[in-house]
Amino acid sequence: MECIFCKIVRGEIPTDLVFENDNLVAFKDINPVAPVHILVAPRKHIISTNEMETYDQSLVGEIFQVMQKLARQFGISESGYRIFINTGADGGQEVPHLHFHLIGGKKLGKCW
């Protein structure tokens, strides 16, 4: 499946990239909900958490390490931040490519 995040991963769509390695990319959200709103996505096209295979699960640990690093880099590690994943239409997933949101830089309200 082809999606906008696959094009970002391949460098076909310009983005404000803040981190990349062989497995992951991280870039600023184009419609941020907070002063810091970064998306972290695997380079491999995985639609959602529902499609993760056993061998994909090691990516989750790597993603959390990268988000911890980014929280420090963007100055939100001490004040606090939120990490979340949207899965499926009812869960609010808009792009069919697994990605994690890192948001912070202001006091965040309750999600529910």
C-alpha atoms as a PDB file:
ATOM      1  CA  MET A   1       0.000   0.000   0.000  1.00  0.00           C
ATOM      2  CA  GLU A   2       1.207   3.483  -0.845  1.00  0.00           C
ATOM      3  CA  CYS A   3       0.622   6.311   1.632  1.00  0.00           C
ATOM      4  CA  ILE A   4       1.813   9.843   2.303  1.00  0.00           C
ATOM      5  CA  PHE A   5       4.152   8.659   5.075  1.00  0.00           C
ATOM      6  CA  CYS A   6       5.813   6.199   2.672  1.00  0.00           C
ATOM      7  CA  LYS A   7       6.519   9.165   0.389  1.00  0.00           C
ATOM      8  CA  ILE A   8       7.943  11.135   3.329  1.00  0.00           C
ATOM      9  CA  VAL A   9      10.143   8.163   4.291  1.00  0.00           C
ATOM     10  CA  ARG A  10      11.510   8.034   0.728  1.00  0.00           C
ATOM     11  CA  GLY A  11      12.132  11.790   0.665  1.00  0.00           C
ATOM     12  CA  GLU A  12       9.536  12.420  -2.060  1.00  0.00           C
ATOM     13  CA  ILE A  13       7.590  14.906   0.060  1.00  0.00           C
ATOM     14  CA  PRO A  14       9.439  17.657   1.925  1.00  0.00           C
ATOM     15  CA  THR A  15       9.017  17.607   5.681  1.00  0.00           C
ATOM     16  CA  ASP A  16      10.617  19.097   8.769  1.00  0.00           C
ATOM     17  CA  LEU A  17      12.655  16.008   9.610  1.00  0.00           C
ATOM     18  CA  VAL A  18      14.050  15.968  13.172  1.00  0.00           C
ATOM     19  CA  PHE A  19      15.436  12.407  13.309  1.00  0.00           C
ATOM     20  CA  GLU A  20      16.103   9.476  11.027  1.00  0.00           C
ATOM     21  CA  ASN A  21      17.937   6.170  11.105  1.00  0.00           C
ATOM     22  CA  ASP A  22      17.707   2.887   9.205  1.00  0.00           C
ATOM     23  CA  ASN A  23      14.385   1.956  10.842  1.00  0.00           C
ATOM     24  CA  LEU A  24      12.593   5.183  11.751  1.00  0.00           C
ATOM     25  CA  VAL A  25      11.855   8.752  10.777  1.00  0.00           C
ATOM     26  CA  ALA A  26      10.604  11.571  13.002  1.00  0.00           C
ATOM     27  CA  PHE A  27       9.185  14.822  11.712  1.00  0.00           C
ATOM     28  CA  LYS A  28       7.107  17.759  12.884  1.00  0.00           C
ATOM     29  CA  ASP A  29       3.349  17.456  12.430  1.00  0.00           C
ATOM     30  CA  ILE A  30       2.016  19.891   9.821  1.00  0.00           C
ATOM     31  CA  ASN A  31      -1.035  20.593  12.015  1.00  0.00           C
ATOM     32  CA  PRO A  32       0.419  20.641  15.526  1.00  0.00           C
ATOM     33  CA  VAL A  33      -1.870  20.509  18.553  1.00  0.00           C
ATOM     34  CA  ALA A  34       0.907  21.751  20.862  1.00  0.00           C
ATOM     35  CA  PRO A  35       4.162  23.713  20.543  1.00  0.00           C
ATOM     36  CA  VAL A  36       5.970  20.379  20.187  1.00  0.00           C
ATOM     37  CA  HIS A  37       4.153  17.816  18.027  1.00  0.00           C
ATOM     38  CA  ILE A  38       6.388  15.224  16.430  1.00  0.00           C
ATOM     39  CA  LEU A  39       5.418  12.078  14.553  1.00  0.00           C
ATOM     40  CA  VAL A  40       7.671   9.021  14.774  1.00  0.00           C
ATOM     41  CA  ALA A  41       7.071   6.343  12.146  1.00  0.00           C
ATOM     42  CA  PRO A  42       8.805   3.184  10.977  1.00  0.00           C
ATOM     43  CA  ARG A  43      10.270   3.290   7.489  1.00  0.00           C
ATOM     44  CA  LYS A  44       8.553  -0.029   6.838  1.00  0.00           C
ATOM     45  CA  HIS A  45       4.910   0.349   5.866  1.00  0.00           C
ATOM     46  CA  ILE A  46       2.851  -1.065   8.732  1.00  0.00           C
ATOM     47  CA  ILE A  47      -0.768   0.077   8.615  1.00  0.00           C
ATOM     48  CA  SER A  48      -1.436   0.062  12.369  1.00  0.00           C
ATOM     49  CA  THR A  49      -0.764  -1.790  15.605  1.00  0.00           C
ATOM     50  CA  ASN A  50      -3.202  -4.435  14.345  1.00  0.00           C
ATOM     51  CA  GLU A  51      -0.842  -5.365  11.514  1.00  0.00           C
ATOM     52  CA  MET A  52       2.386  -5.582  13.543  1.00  0.00           C
ATOM     53  CA  GLU A  53       4.186  -8.886  13.261  1.00  0.00           C
ATOM     54  CA  THR A  54       6.337 -10.392  16.014  1.00  0.00           C
ATOM     55  CA  TYR A  55       9.511  -9.213  14.276  1.00  0.00           C
ATOM     56  CA  ASP A  56       8.117  -5.645  14.107  1.00  0.00           C
ATOM     57  CA  GLN A  57       7.670  -5.399  17.861  1.00  0.00           C
ATOM     58  CA  SER A  58      11.326  -4.562  18.488  1.00  0.00           C
ATOM     59  CA  LEU A  59      10.602  -1.287  16.675  1.00  0.00           C
ATOM     60  CA  VAL A  60       8.379  -0.197  19.550  1.00  0.00           C
ATOM     61  CA  GLY A  61      11.291  -0.166  21.997  1.00  0.00           C
ATOM     62  CA  GLU A  62      13.394   1.760  19.514  1.00  0.00           C
ATOM     63  CA  ILE A  63      10.568   4.240  18.938  1.00  0.00           C
ATOM     64  CA  PHE A  64      10.285   4.913  22.678  1.00  0.00           C
ATOM     65  CA  GLN A  65      14.053   5.462  22.924  1.00  0.00           C
ATOM     66  CA  VAL A  66      13.887   7.953  20.062  1.00  0.00           C
ATOM     67  CA  MET A  67      10.911   9.756  21.623  1.00  0.00           C
ATOM     68  CA  GLN A  68      12.783  10.022  24.924  1.00  0.00           C
ATOM     69  CA  LYS A  69      15.723  11.569  23.063  1.00  0.00           C
ATOM     70  CA  LEU A  70      13.439  13.959  21.167  1.00  0.00           C
ATOM     71  CA  ALA A  71      11.675  15.016  24.382  1.00  0.00           C
ATOM     72  CA  ARG A  72      15.062  16.039  25.791  1.00  0.00           C
ATOM     73  CA  GLN A  73      16.110  17.688  22.506  1.00  0.00           C
ATOM     74  CA  PHE A  74      12.936  19.791  22.353  1.00  0.00           C
ATOM     75  CA  GLY A  75      13.005  20.699  26.056  1.00  0.00           C
ATOM     76  CA  ILE A  76       9.857  18.904  27.207  1.00  0.00           C
ATOM     77  CA  SER A  77      11.303  15.976  29.150  1.00  0.00           C
ATOM     78  CA  GLU A  78      11.131  17.761  32.505  1.00  0.00           C
ATOM     79  CA  SER A  79       7.797  19.563  32.124  1.00  0.00           C
ATOM     80  CA  GLY A  80       6.040  16.520  30.682  1.00  0.00           C
ATOM     81  CA  TYR A  81       4.664  15.246  27.421  1.00  0.00           C
ATOM     82  CA  ARG A  82       2.202  12.798  25.931  1.00  0.00           C
ATOM     83  CA  ILE A  83       2.813   9.834  23.629  1.00  0.00           C
ATOM     84  CA  PHE A  84      -0.071   8.247  21.778  1.00  0.00           C
ATOM     85  CA  ILE A  85      -1.048   6.069  18.824  1.00  0.00           C
ATOM     86  CA  ASN A  86      -4.328   6.211  16.924  1.00  0.00           C
ATOM     87  CA  THR A  87      -5.499   2.859  15.531  1.00  0.00           C
ATOM     88  CA  GLY A  88      -8.341   2.525  13.040  1.00  0.00           C
ATOM     89  CA  ALA A  89     -11.077   4.945  12.045  1.00  0.00           C
ATOM     90  CA  ASP A  90     -12.825   4.993  15.428  1.00  0.00           C
ATOM     91  CA  GLY A  91      -9.454   5.495  17.124  1.00  0.00           C
ATOM     92  CA  GLY A  92      -8.794   8.612  15.047  1.00  0.00           C
ATOM     93  CA  GLN A  93      -6.154   7.193  12.695  1.00  0.00           C
ATOM     94  CA  GLU A  94      -6.010   9.429   9.616  1.00  0.00           C
ATOM     95  CA  VAL A  95      -2.934   8.042   7.834  1.00  0.00           C
ATOM     96  CA  PRO A  96      -2.757   4.267   7.217  1.00  0.00           C
ATOM     97  CA  HIS A  97       0.865   4.016   8.412  1.00  0.00           C
ATOM     98  CA  LEU A  98       1.756   3.244  12.023  1.00  0.00           C
ATOM     99  CA  HIS A  99       3.030   6.348  13.791  1.00  0.00           C
ATOM    100  CA  PHE A 100       3.413   7.647  17.308  1.00  0.00           C
ATOM    101  CA  HIS A 101       2.637  11.218  18.368  1.00  0.00           C
ATOM    102  CA  LEU A 102       4.941  13.023  20.804  1.00  0.00           C
ATOM    103  CA  ILE A 103       3.279  16.211  22.041  1.00  0.00           C
ATOM    104  CA  GLY A 104       4.220  18.732  24.702  1.00  0.00           C
ATOM    105  CA  GLY A 105       5.356  22.254  25.369  1.00  0.00           C
ATOM    106  CA  LYS A 106       2.152  23.296  27.145  1.00  0.00           C
ATOM    107  CA  LYS A 107      -0.152  21.948  29.824  1.00  0.00           C
ATOM    108  CA  LEU A 108      -2.180  19.216  28.167  1.00  0.00           C
ATOM    109  CA  GLY A 109      -5.771  18.505  29.103  1.00  0.00           C
ATOM    110  CA  LYS A 110      -7.304  15.112  29.697  1.00  0.00           C
ATOM    111  CA  CYS A 111      -7.942  12.972  26.640  1.00  0.00           C
ATOM    112  CA  TRP A 112     -11.109  11.443  28.045  1.00  0.00           C
END
